[in-house]
Amino acid sequence: MGETSPGKFKPNPALPRRTGAEQPPSERVRNFSEVALGLSAEDAASEASRCLQCKNAPCIAACPVNIDIPSFIARLRAGDPASAAAKIMESSLLPAICGRVCPQETYCENACVLNKPGRFKPVAIGRLERFAADEARRLKTLQAPKPAAATGRKIACVGSGPASLSAAAELRRRGHEVAVYEALHEFGGVLRYGIPSFRLPREIIRAEVETLREMGVRFIADVLVGRTLTVSELLQAYDLVFVGSGAGLPTMMDVPGENLVGVYSANEFLTRVNLMRADRFPLSDTPVYVGRRVLVVGGGNSAMDAARCAMRLGPESVSILYRRSRVEMPARAEEIDHAQEEGVRFEFLCAPVSLEGDEQGRLVRARCVRMRLGEPDAGGRRRPETIPGSEFVVEAESLITAIGQSPNPIIQQTTPGLTVQKRGTLQACEDGRTSVGRIYAGGDVVRGGATVLLAMKDGKTAAAAMDRLLREG
């Protein structure tokens, strides 16, 4: 596994775990610059030396895209970030993105053999991946892989989020012509409109997209597939189509007053801030109003992103309302901690039941109830139950709902033969095949909302299956 001999380096897992510096909360809450500042070269070398270079490498098996983690860490330990980045890019062409937003604590770091409470802490694999990618790019040694010999086959990828980017990269790597169609004017999909720049800087997304351009992938903006042109029309010009259009349709609370001015879905709010730069109004064209008091409903990463963006717009308070306890929150622990450090308040075991407005139709308050946890639901989490007589009122000028999302139905409605599941997601096999032979799909349009890395896994898996189909018939 490792790139160095056992005698040259002796692992030292007892060294302090290095995760890098961060902007102080009092400063970062006033800007949209990246919170995590990354590892220094010294800290990266120290952290890399904690890796045991396991022979069975459970971290590789736990990584959805199967990055050879011990090998890239060994190269970092030897002081060669360019080689480390090249090793990562054998499996993933988006290392700087994954190093920032992948929930490594759920995947590779959770599987790390050093992950033993009370003794050692897991190797900071995500931080090391980010360091390798950033350092190689800084040194101008990060190179796009050279595609295989041209096959003459053409594939269209719908959407430019992580699933489509991963599929496009792998298909182009195999020598196929690839075009990516995006409905918006910027590329990156949910990476661009859903994740704030203080977690994922825009220049990182642009740089990763540029890597694919250098490989020969074509990017076409302002094309809403299903309206501008249909998937059926794409199939007239391309051999295959990969649908990675994401899940941009918000789930609403279905309570009275949800149409009041000042009530946003997280999708709308985050798009206004992240893509349209509403935080810079009037320098940008798209304003967003939050008022003095902001409520965010939900407990996932989108809720944390919305709350932390809202804090940076200058209200007196931002509060997250979540119907379960902190233990059940699906958001990354790091994002919850960052939100708390930045002054976001948390109200657990409560939920809005109605919203009230003034004479102008503007939100002024939310009526909420207290909850308690009952028996587990189908997903294994204890089901929240309303406590009778527990109603209370929270004053607010804006409220952001972040309770889930589903795919926009436009492709499903305009593509004959596609099998659609209960929540509007596309039905697809494990290799991405849909009910229409030449159409593959992956990411949130199939899963209905998941991690960036699972979307990348879907794109990579589908690309391999599409390549086999094109080569073997």
Protein backbone atom coordinates (compact mmCIF):
# COMPACT_ATOMS: atom_id res chain seq x y z
CA MET A 1 0.00 0.00 0.00
CA GLY A 2 2.51 2.57 1.10
CA GLU A 3 4.98 4.24 -1.23
CA THR A 4 7.83 4.14 1.29
CA SER A 5 9.72 1.33 2.93
CA PRO A 6 8.71 0.39 6.51
CA GLY A 7 12.14 1.24 7.81
CA LYS A 8 12.24 4.78 6.48
CA PHE A 9 9.28 6.09 8.43
CA LYS A 10 7.94 4.88 11.74
CA PRO A 11 4.27 5.80 12.30
CA ASN A 12 3.52 7.71 15.47
CA PRO A 13 -0.25 7.60 16.11
CA ALA A 14 0.22 9.16 19.55
CA LEU A 15 1.00 12.55 18.00
CA PRO A 16 -1.71 15.20 18.48
CA ARG A 17 -4.33 15.10 15.71
CA ARG A 18 -3.85 18.11 13.41
CA THR A 19 -6.89 19.65 11.75
CA GLY A 20 -5.61 23.13 10.95
CA ALA A 21 -6.49 26.65 12.03
CA GLU A 22 -9.88 28.33 11.66
CA GLN A 23 -11.14 31.89 11.48
CA PRO A 24 -12.21 32.98 14.98
CA PRO A 25 -16.04 32.94 15.31
CA SER A 26 -16.16 36.67 16.10
CA GLU A 27 -14.47 37.44 12.78
CA ARG A 28 -15.93 34.82 10.44
CA VAL A 29 -19.53 35.66 11.34
CA ARG A 30 -18.96 38.99 9.54
CA ASN A 31 -17.65 37.52 6.27
CA PHE A 32 -18.15 34.72 3.76
CA SER A 33 -14.48 33.71 3.60
CA GLU A 34 -13.54 30.11 4.27
CA VAL A 35 -13.77 29.15 7.94
CA ALA A 36 -11.25 26.30 7.89
CA LEU A 37 -7.85 27.65 6.88
CA GLY A 38 -6.24 24.31 6.08
CA LEU A 39 -3.13 22.54 7.31
CA SER A 40 0.34 24.01 7.21
CA ALA A 41 3.03 21.90 5.56
CA GLU A 42 4.43 21.09 9.00
CA ASP A 43 1.05 20.03 10.37
CA ALA A 44 0.30 17.99 7.25
CA ALA A 45 3.59 16.10 7.64
CA SER A 46 2.86 15.49 11.31
CA GLU A 47 -0.67 14.25 10.64
CA ALA A 48 0.47 12.05 7.76
CA SER A 49 3.00 10.40 10.08
CA ARG A 50 0.13 9.20 12.30
CA CYS A 51 -1.11 6.86 9.55
CA LEU A 52 -0.25 3.21 10.24
CA GLN A 53 -0.23 2.26 6.53
CA CYS A 54 -2.52 -0.68 7.23
CA LYS A 55 -2.27 -3.64 4.89
CA ASN A 56 -6.00 -4.26 4.78
CA ALA A 57 -6.76 -0.48 4.74
CA PRO A 58 -10.38 -0.38 5.98
CA CYS A 59 -10.43 3.32 5.10
CA ILE A 60 -10.31 2.46 1.38
CA ALA A 61 -13.27 0.11 1.66
CA ALA A 62 -15.21 2.79 3.57
CA CYS A 63 -14.57 5.47 0.93
CA PRO A 64 -17.46 5.55 -1.58
CA VAL A 65 -15.05 6.30 -4.44
CA ASN A 66 -12.29 3.97 -3.12
CA ILE A 67 -9.40 6.43 -2.93
CA ASP A 68 -6.12 4.69 -2.08
CA ILE A 69 -5.79 6.58 1.19
CA PRO A 70 -2.63 5.00 2.64
CA SER A 71 -0.76 5.56 -0.62
CA PHE A 72 -1.59 9.25 -0.93
CA ILE A 73 -0.80 9.80 2.75
CA ALA A 74 2.55 8.04 2.36
CA ARG A 75 3.41 10.43 -0.46
CA LEU A 76 2.48 13.39 1.70
CA ARG A 77 4.63 11.99 4.49
CA ALA A 78 7.50 11.86 2.00
CA GLY A 79 6.96 15.56 1.21
CA ASP A 80 5.45 15.08 -2.26
CA PRO A 81 1.99 16.73 -2.44
CA ALA A 82 1.99 16.62 -6.25
CA SER A 83 2.34 12.86 -6.25
CA ALA A 84 -0.23 12.59 -3.44
CA ALA A 85 -2.76 14.61 -5.44
CA ALA A 86 -2.08 12.50 -8.53
CA LYS A 87 -2.76 9.33 -6.53
CA ILE A 88 -6.09 10.74 -5.29
CA MET A 89 -7.05 11.75 -8.82
CA GLU A 90 -6.72 8.17 -9.98
CA SER A 91 -10.02 7.65 -8.14
CA SER A 92 -11.52 11.13 -7.80
CA LEU A 93 -11.03 14.21 -9.97
CA LEU A 94 -12.54 16.52 -7.34
CA PRO A 95 -10.06 16.23 -4.45
CA ALA A 96 -10.20 19.86 -3.26
CA ILE A 97 -14.00 19.66 -3.05
CA CYS A 98 -14.10 16.27 -1.33
CA GLY A 99 -11.46 17.36 1.15
CA ARG A 100 -13.79 20.13 2.25
CA VAL A 101 -17.35 18.85 2.16
CA CYS A 102 -17.21 15.06 2.34
CA PRO A 103 -18.39 13.78 5.76
CA GLN A 104 -15.18 11.84 6.35
CA GLU A 105 -16.22 11.16 9.93
CA THR A 106 -18.95 8.90 8.50
CA TYR A 107 -16.77 7.14 5.94
CA CYS A 108 -12.98 6.79 5.91
CA GLU A 109 -12.18 8.36 9.27
CA ASN A 110 -14.87 6.31 10.99
CA ALA A 111 -13.22 3.16 9.60
CA CYS A 112 -9.68 4.25 10.56
CA VAL A 113 -8.14 1.71 12.94
CA LEU A 114 -7.00 4.58 15.17
CA ASN A 115 -10.63 5.56 15.78
CA LYS A 116 -10.62 4.26 19.32
CA PRO A 117 -12.32 6.48 21.94
CA GLY A 118 -10.12 7.17 24.93
CA ARG A 119 -6.91 6.18 23.18
CA PHE A 120 -6.26 7.59 19.71
CA LYS A 121 -8.15 9.73 17.24
CA PRO A 122 -8.55 8.84 13.56
CA VAL A 123 -6.16 10.27 11.00
CA ALA A 124 -7.56 13.56 9.62
CA ILE A 125 -7.88 12.09 6.13
CA GLY A 126 -10.14 14.84 4.78
CA ARG A 127 -7.80 17.59 5.89
CA LEU A 128 -4.88 15.75 4.27
CA GLU A 129 -6.79 15.32 1.01
CA ARG A 130 -7.54 19.04 0.95
CA PHE A 131 -3.89 19.87 1.68
CA ALA A 132 -2.64 17.63 -1.13
CA ALA A 133 -5.03 19.15 -3.67
CA ASP A 134 -4.51 22.76 -2.59
CA GLU A 135 -0.74 22.47 -2.36
CA ALA A 136 -0.43 20.76 -5.74
CA ARG A 137 -2.58 23.47 -7.30
CA ARG A 138 -0.54 26.22 -5.58
CA LEU A 139 2.66 24.69 -6.93
CA LYS A 140 1.02 24.40 -10.38
CA THR A 141 1.71 20.66 -10.43
CA LEU A 142 -1.93 19.56 -10.39
CA GLN A 143 -2.49 18.12 -13.85
CA ALA A 144 -5.62 16.81 -15.50
CA PRO A 145 -5.33 13.13 -16.51
CA LYS A 146 -4.79 12.52 -20.20
CA PRO A 147 -7.89 10.90 -21.75
CA ALA A 148 -7.62 7.53 -23.44
CA ALA A 149 -7.77 7.27 -27.22
CA ALA A 150 -10.95 8.72 -28.69
CA THR A 151 -13.77 6.19 -29.02
CA GLY A 152 -16.02 8.30 -31.21
CA ARG A 153 -18.86 7.87 -28.70
CA LYS A 154 -20.75 10.87 -27.25
CA ILE A 155 -22.46 11.23 -23.89
CA ALA A 156 -24.53 14.09 -22.47
CA CYS A 157 -24.62 14.73 -18.72
CA VAL A 158 -27.64 16.64 -17.42
CA GLY A 159 -26.77 18.91 -14.51
CA SER A 160 -23.33 19.95 -13.30
CA GLY A 161 -23.45 18.82 -9.68
CA PRO A 162 -21.17 16.19 -8.12
CA ALA A 163 -22.87 13.19 -9.79
CA SER A 164 -22.60 14.63 -13.29
CA LEU A 165 -19.09 16.00 -12.76
CA SER A 166 -17.92 12.60 -11.55
CA ALA A 167 -19.60 10.80 -14.46
CA ALA A 168 -18.22 13.30 -16.98
CA ALA A 169 -14.69 12.95 -15.60
CA GLU A 170 -14.71 9.17 -15.73
CA LEU A 171 -16.29 8.99 -19.20
CA ARG A 172 -13.84 11.51 -20.62
CA ARG A 173 -10.96 9.66 -18.95
CA ARG A 174 -12.06 6.62 -20.97
CA GLY A 175 -11.92 8.52 -24.25
CA HIS A 176 -15.57 9.39 -24.87
CA GLU A 177 -16.80 12.85 -25.89
CA VAL A 178 -18.74 14.41 -23.02
CA ALA A 179 -20.95 17.50 -22.79
CA VAL A 180 -22.41 18.79 -19.50
CA TYR A 181 -25.68 20.75 -19.65
CA GLU A 182 -26.51 23.12 -16.78
CA ALA A 183 -29.76 25.05 -16.26
CA LEU A 184 -28.08 27.88 -14.35
CA HIS A 185 -25.40 30.33 -15.46
CA GLU A 186 -22.71 28.88 -13.16
CA PHE A 187 -21.47 25.30 -12.98
CA GLY A 188 -21.32 23.10 -9.90
CA GLY A 189 -24.96 22.36 -9.13
CA VAL A 190 -25.61 22.02 -5.42
CA LEU A 191 -21.90 22.66 -4.80
CA ARG A 192 -22.45 26.14 -6.22
CA TYR A 193 -25.93 27.15 -5.09
CA GLY A 194 -26.37 25.02 -1.98
CA ILE A 195 -23.05 25.13 -0.12
CA PRO A 196 -21.87 28.52 1.20
CA SER A 197 -18.48 29.89 0.20
CA PHE A 198 -17.31 29.82 3.84
CA ARG A 199 -17.43 26.02 3.51
CA LEU A 200 -16.53 25.68 -0.16
CA PRO A 201 -14.94 28.71 -1.87
CA ARG A 202 -16.17 29.47 -5.38
CA GLU A 203 -12.63 29.46 -6.78
CA ILE A 204 -12.26 25.81 -5.69
CA ILE A 205 -15.37 24.82 -7.67
CA ARG A 206 -14.19 26.77 -10.71
CA ALA A 207 -10.74 25.16 -10.51
CA GLU A 208 -12.16 21.64 -10.32
CA VAL A 209 -14.47 22.35 -13.28
CA GLU A 210 -11.50 23.75 -15.17
CA THR A 211 -9.67 20.44 -14.66
CA LEU A 212 -12.48 18.72 -16.56
CA ARG A 213 -12.36 21.39 -19.28
CA GLU A 214 -8.66 20.71 -19.72
CA MET A 215 -9.55 17.06 -20.28
CA GLY A 216 -11.91 18.11 -23.05
CA VAL A 217 -15.30 18.04 -21.31
CA ARG A 218 -17.65 20.66 -22.82
CA PHE A 219 -19.78 22.75 -20.43
CA ILE A 220 -22.99 24.34 -21.70
CA ALA A 221 -24.86 26.76 -19.40
CA ASP A 222 -28.41 28.16 -19.42
CA VAL A 223 -30.01 24.99 -20.81
CA LEU A 224 -32.96 23.67 -18.82
CA VAL A 225 -33.28 20.09 -20.00
CA GLY A 226 -36.97 19.31 -20.16
CA ARG A 227 -37.79 22.80 -21.41
CA THR A 228 -34.97 24.20 -23.58
CA LEU A 229 -34.59 20.72 -25.00
CA THR A 230 -35.68 17.28 -23.85
CA VAL A 231 -33.75 14.16 -22.94
CA SER A 232 -35.30 12.50 -26.00
CA GLU A 233 -33.79 15.25 -28.16
CA LEU A 234 -30.41 14.74 -26.50
CA LEU A 235 -30.60 11.05 -27.40
CA GLN A 236 -30.81 12.02 -31.05
CA ALA A 237 -27.38 13.67 -30.80
CA TYR A 238 -25.68 11.49 -28.16
CA ASP A 239 -25.20 7.76 -27.67
CA LEU A 240 -26.15 7.89 -23.98
CA VAL A 241 -27.45 10.40 -21.44
CA PHE A 242 -26.60 10.59 -17.74
CA VAL A 243 -29.17 12.44 -15.61
CA GLY A 244 -27.64 14.05 -12.54
CA SER A 245 -30.09 16.92 -12.15
CA GLY A 246 -30.20 16.82 -8.35
CA ALA A 247 -33.06 17.46 -5.96
CA GLY A 248 -33.91 21.13 -6.02
CA LEU A 249 -37.62 20.97 -5.18
CA PRO A 250 -38.13 21.94 -1.51
CA THR A 251 -40.35 20.09 0.92
CA MET A 252 -42.74 22.52 2.58
CA MET A 253 -44.08 22.35 6.15
CA ASP A 254 -47.75 22.47 5.08
CA VAL A 255 -48.79 24.79 7.91
CA PRO A 256 -51.02 27.90 7.81
CA GLY A 257 -49.14 31.09 6.89
CA GLU A 258 -46.41 29.42 4.84
CA ASN A 259 -46.98 31.90 1.99
CA LEU A 260 -46.27 34.97 4.11
CA VAL A 261 -43.57 37.42 3.05
CA GLY A 262 -40.36 36.49 4.86
CA VAL A 263 -40.85 32.71 4.58
CA TYR A 264 -38.22 31.00 2.41
CA SER A 265 -37.28 27.48 1.48
CA ALA A 266 -33.62 26.73 2.15
CA ASN A 267 -33.19 26.15 -1.60
CA GLU A 268 -34.37 29.66 -2.44
CA PHE A 269 -32.53 31.34 0.42
CA LEU A 270 -29.21 29.61 -0.21
CA THR A 271 -29.45 30.17 -3.98
CA ARG A 272 -30.03 33.88 -3.45
CA VAL A 273 -27.03 34.13 -1.16
CA ASN A 274 -24.61 31.62 -2.70
CA LEU A 275 -25.31 32.04 -6.40
CA MET A 276 -26.85 35.51 -6.65
CA ARG A 277 -24.69 37.02 -3.84
CA ALA A 278 -27.61 38.60 -2.02
CA ASP A 279 -25.23 39.37 0.84
CA ARG A 280 -23.63 42.05 -1.37
CA PHE A 281 -26.84 43.91 -2.24
CA PRO A 282 -27.03 46.56 -3.71
CA LEU A 283 -23.74 45.60 -5.46
CA SER A 284 -25.58 42.47 -6.59
CA ASP A 285 -29.04 42.52 -8.13
CA THR A 286 -30.78 40.04 -5.83
CA PRO A 287 -31.69 41.22 -2.30
CA VAL A 288 -32.73 39.01 0.59
CA TYR A 289 -34.53 40.23 3.70
CA VAL A 290 -34.02 38.56 7.08
CA GLY A 291 -35.12 41.19 9.62
CA ARG A 292 -34.11 41.18 13.27
CA ARG A 293 -35.04 37.60 14.16
CA VAL A 294 -34.59 34.54 11.95
CA LEU A 295 -35.96 31.04 12.44
CA VAL A 296 -34.61 28.00 10.59
CA VAL A 297 -36.63 24.78 10.66
CA GLY A 298 -34.68 21.54 10.23
CA GLY A 299 -31.61 19.69 11.46
CA GLY A 300 -29.56 18.78 8.40
CA ASN A 301 -26.60 20.40 6.69
CA SER A 302 -28.90 22.69 4.68
CA ALA A 303 -30.38 24.00 7.93
CA MET A 304 -26.88 24.69 9.29
CA ASP A 305 -25.87 26.39 6.03
CA ALA A 306 -29.00 28.55 6.01
CA ALA A 307 -28.62 29.54 9.66
CA ARG A 308 -24.94 30.41 9.28
CA CYS A 309 -25.59 32.41 6.10
CA ALA A 310 -28.40 34.27 7.88
CA MET A 311 -26.07 35.11 10.78
CA ARG A 312 -23.73 36.81 8.32
CA LEU A 313 -26.53 39.09 7.10
CA GLY A 314 -26.62 40.91 10.45
CA PRO A 315 -29.81 39.96 12.35
CA GLU A 316 -30.09 40.16 16.12
CA SER A 317 -30.69 36.43 16.43
CA VAL A 318 -30.88 33.20 14.44
CA SER A 319 -32.57 30.16 15.97
CA ILE A 320 -32.83 26.62 14.66
CA LEU A 321 -36.05 24.76 15.49
CA TYR A 322 -35.65 20.99 15.34
CA ARG A 323 -38.33 18.47 16.26
CA ARG A 324 -35.90 15.90 17.65
CA SER A 325 -32.87 16.20 19.95
CA ARG A 326 -29.29 16.99 19.05
CA VAL A 327 -28.45 13.27 19.05
CA GLU A 328 -30.78 12.71 16.08
CA MET A 329 -29.60 15.71 14.04
CA PRO A 330 -28.36 14.49 10.62
CA ALA A 331 -26.05 17.48 10.10
CA ARG A 332 -22.30 17.02 10.42
CA ALA A 333 -21.08 17.51 13.99
CA GLU A 334 -18.53 20.04 12.74
CA GLU A 335 -21.27 22.16 11.13
CA ILE A 336 -23.40 22.07 14.29
CA ASP A 337 -20.39 23.10 16.39
CA HIS A 338 -19.53 25.92 13.98
CA ALA A 339 -23.11 27.19 14.06
CA GLN A 340 -23.11 27.25 17.85
CA GLU A 341 -19.73 29.00 17.94
CA GLU A 342 -21.13 31.68 15.63
CA GLY A 343 -24.08 32.40 17.90
CA VAL A 344 -26.86 30.34 16.33
CA ARG A 345 -29.37 29.27 18.96
CA PHE A 346 -30.88 25.78 19.04
CA GLU A 347 -34.43 24.93 20.12
CA PHE A 348 -34.70 21.14 20.25
CA LEU A 349 -37.89 19.08 20.45
CA CYS A 350 -40.15 21.73 18.98
CA ALA A 351 -41.86 22.47 15.66
CA PRO A 352 -43.97 25.27 14.11
CA VAL A 353 -47.68 24.55 13.68
CA SER A 354 -48.73 27.90 12.18
CA LEU A 355 -47.22 31.18 11.01
CA GLU A 356 -48.82 34.58 11.55
CA GLY A 357 -48.38 37.85 9.69
CA ASP A 358 -49.25 41.53 9.91
CA GLU A 359 -51.67 43.59 7.78
CA GLN A 360 -49.14 43.70 4.93
CA GLY A 361 -48.80 39.91 4.86
CA ARG A 362 -45.34 39.88 6.45
CA LEU A 363 -44.30 37.21 8.94
CA VAL A 364 -44.30 38.39 12.56
CA ARG A 365 -44.43 35.19 14.63
CA ALA A 366 -44.48 31.41 14.61
CA ARG A 367 -46.71 29.32 16.85
CA CYS A 368 -44.82 26.21 17.94
CA VAL A 369 -45.37 23.11 20.04
CA ARG A 370 -43.04 21.08 22.21
CA MET A 371 -42.27 17.50 21.20
CA ARG A 372 -41.18 14.30 22.87
CA LEU A 373 -39.58 11.25 21.28
CA GLY A 374 -41.71 8.13 20.91
CA GLU A 375 -41.12 4.82 19.17
CA PRO A 376 -38.59 4.54 16.30
CA ASP A 377 -39.83 5.31 12.78
CA ALA A 378 -39.01 3.36 9.59
CA GLY A 379 -35.57 4.99 9.49
CA GLY A 380 -34.72 3.88 13.03
CA ARG A 381 -34.97 7.33 14.63
CA ARG A 382 -37.46 7.86 17.44
CA ARG A 383 -40.61 9.48 16.13
CA PRO A 384 -41.41 12.98 17.50
CA GLU A 385 -44.82 13.34 19.17
CA THR A 386 -46.62 16.56 20.11
CA ILE A 387 -46.97 17.29 23.82
CA PRO A 388 -50.59 18.41 24.37
CA GLY A 389 -50.98 21.94 25.71
CA SER A 390 -47.33 22.86 25.00
CA GLU A 391 -47.95 25.64 22.44
CA PHE A 392 -45.70 28.72 22.59
CA VAL A 393 -44.97 31.71 20.36
CA VAL A 394 -41.67 32.82 18.81
CA GLU A 395 -41.41 36.32 17.26
CA ALA A 396 -39.63 36.43 13.90
CA GLU A 397 -39.43 38.45 10.69
CA SER A 398 -38.14 35.57 8.56
CA LEU A 399 -38.29 31.80 8.59
CA ILE A 400 -36.33 29.33 6.45
CA THR A 401 -37.58 25.77 5.97
CA ALA A 402 -34.89 23.11 5.53
CA ILE A 403 -36.80 19.87 6.01
CA GLY A 404 -35.89 18.01 2.83
CA GLN A 405 -36.08 18.19 -0.93
CA SER A 406 -37.04 16.10 -3.94
CA PRO A 407 -36.19 16.21 -7.65
CA ASN A 408 -37.76 18.78 -9.92
CA PRO A 409 -40.25 16.71 -11.98
CA ILE A 410 -39.53 18.40 -15.30
CA ILE A 411 -37.34 15.61 -16.71
CA GLN A 412 -39.63 12.88 -15.43
CA GLN A 413 -42.65 14.58 -17.04
CA THR A 414 -40.99 15.13 -20.42
CA THR A 415 -39.17 11.80 -20.85
CA PRO A 416 -41.48 8.93 -21.87
CA GLY A 417 -40.74 5.57 -20.28
CA LEU A 418 -38.85 6.72 -17.18
CA THR A 419 -40.00 4.93 -14.03
CA VAL A 420 -40.54 7.40 -11.19
CA GLN A 421 -40.66 6.41 -7.54
CA LYS A 422 -42.94 7.62 -4.77
CA ARG A 423 -41.08 10.83 -3.88
CA GLY A 424 -40.40 11.81 -7.48
CA THR A 425 -36.98 10.20 -7.68
CA LEU A 426 -35.90 8.20 -10.72
CA GLN A 427 -35.75 4.45 -10.38
CA ALA A 428 -32.28 3.20 -11.27
CA CYS A 429 -30.30 0.00 -10.87
CA GLU A 430 -27.09 -0.09 -8.83
CA ASP A 431 -25.11 0.69 -11.98
CA GLY A 432 -27.31 3.71 -12.77
CA ARG A 433 -29.45 2.13 -15.51
CA THR A 434 -32.97 3.54 -15.65
CA SER A 435 -36.06 2.02 -17.26
CA VAL A 436 -35.03 3.64 -20.56
CA GLY A 437 -32.10 1.72 -22.03
CA ARG A 438 -29.87 4.63 -23.07
CA ILE A 439 -30.52 6.77 -20.00
CA TYR A 440 -28.53 6.45 -16.77
CA ALA A 441 -28.99 8.46 -13.58
CA GLY A 442 -27.39 9.06 -10.19
CA GLY A 443 -27.04 11.41 -7.25
CA ASP A 444 -29.94 13.18 -5.59
CA VAL A 445 -32.30 12.69 -8.56
CA VAL A 446 -32.17 8.98 -7.60
CA ARG A 447 -31.43 9.16 -3.86
CA GLY A 448 -33.61 12.19 -3.08
CA GLY A 449 -30.95 13.97 -1.04
CA ALA A 450 -27.62 12.51 0.10
CA THR A 451 -23.96 13.40 0.48
CA VAL A 452 -21.70 14.84 -2.19
CA LEU A 453 -19.53 11.72 -2.06
CA LEU A 454 -22.44 9.33 -2.60
CA ALA A 455 -23.44 11.40 -5.63
CA MET A 456 -19.87 11.13 -6.91
CA LYS A 457 -19.95 7.39 -6.32
CA ASP A 458 -23.14 7.15 -8.40
CA GLY A 459 -21.56 9.12 -11.23
CA LYS A 460 -18.41 7.02 -11.19
CA THR A 461 -20.37 3.74 -11.06
CA ALA A 462 -22.67 4.79 -13.89
CA ALA A 463 -19.72 5.93 -16.01
CA ALA A 464 -18.13 2.48 -15.75
CA ALA A 465 -21.40 0.81 -16.75
CA MET A 466 -21.93 3.23 -19.65
CA ASP A 467 -18.40 2.61 -20.85
CA ARG A 468 -18.99 -1.16 -20.82
CA LEU A 469 -22.22 -0.74 -22.76
CA LEU A 470 -20.56 1.43 -25.40
CA ARG A 471 -17.62 -0.93 -25.81
CA GLU A 472 -19.42 -4.26 -25.58
CA GLY A 473 -22.87 -3.36 -26.90
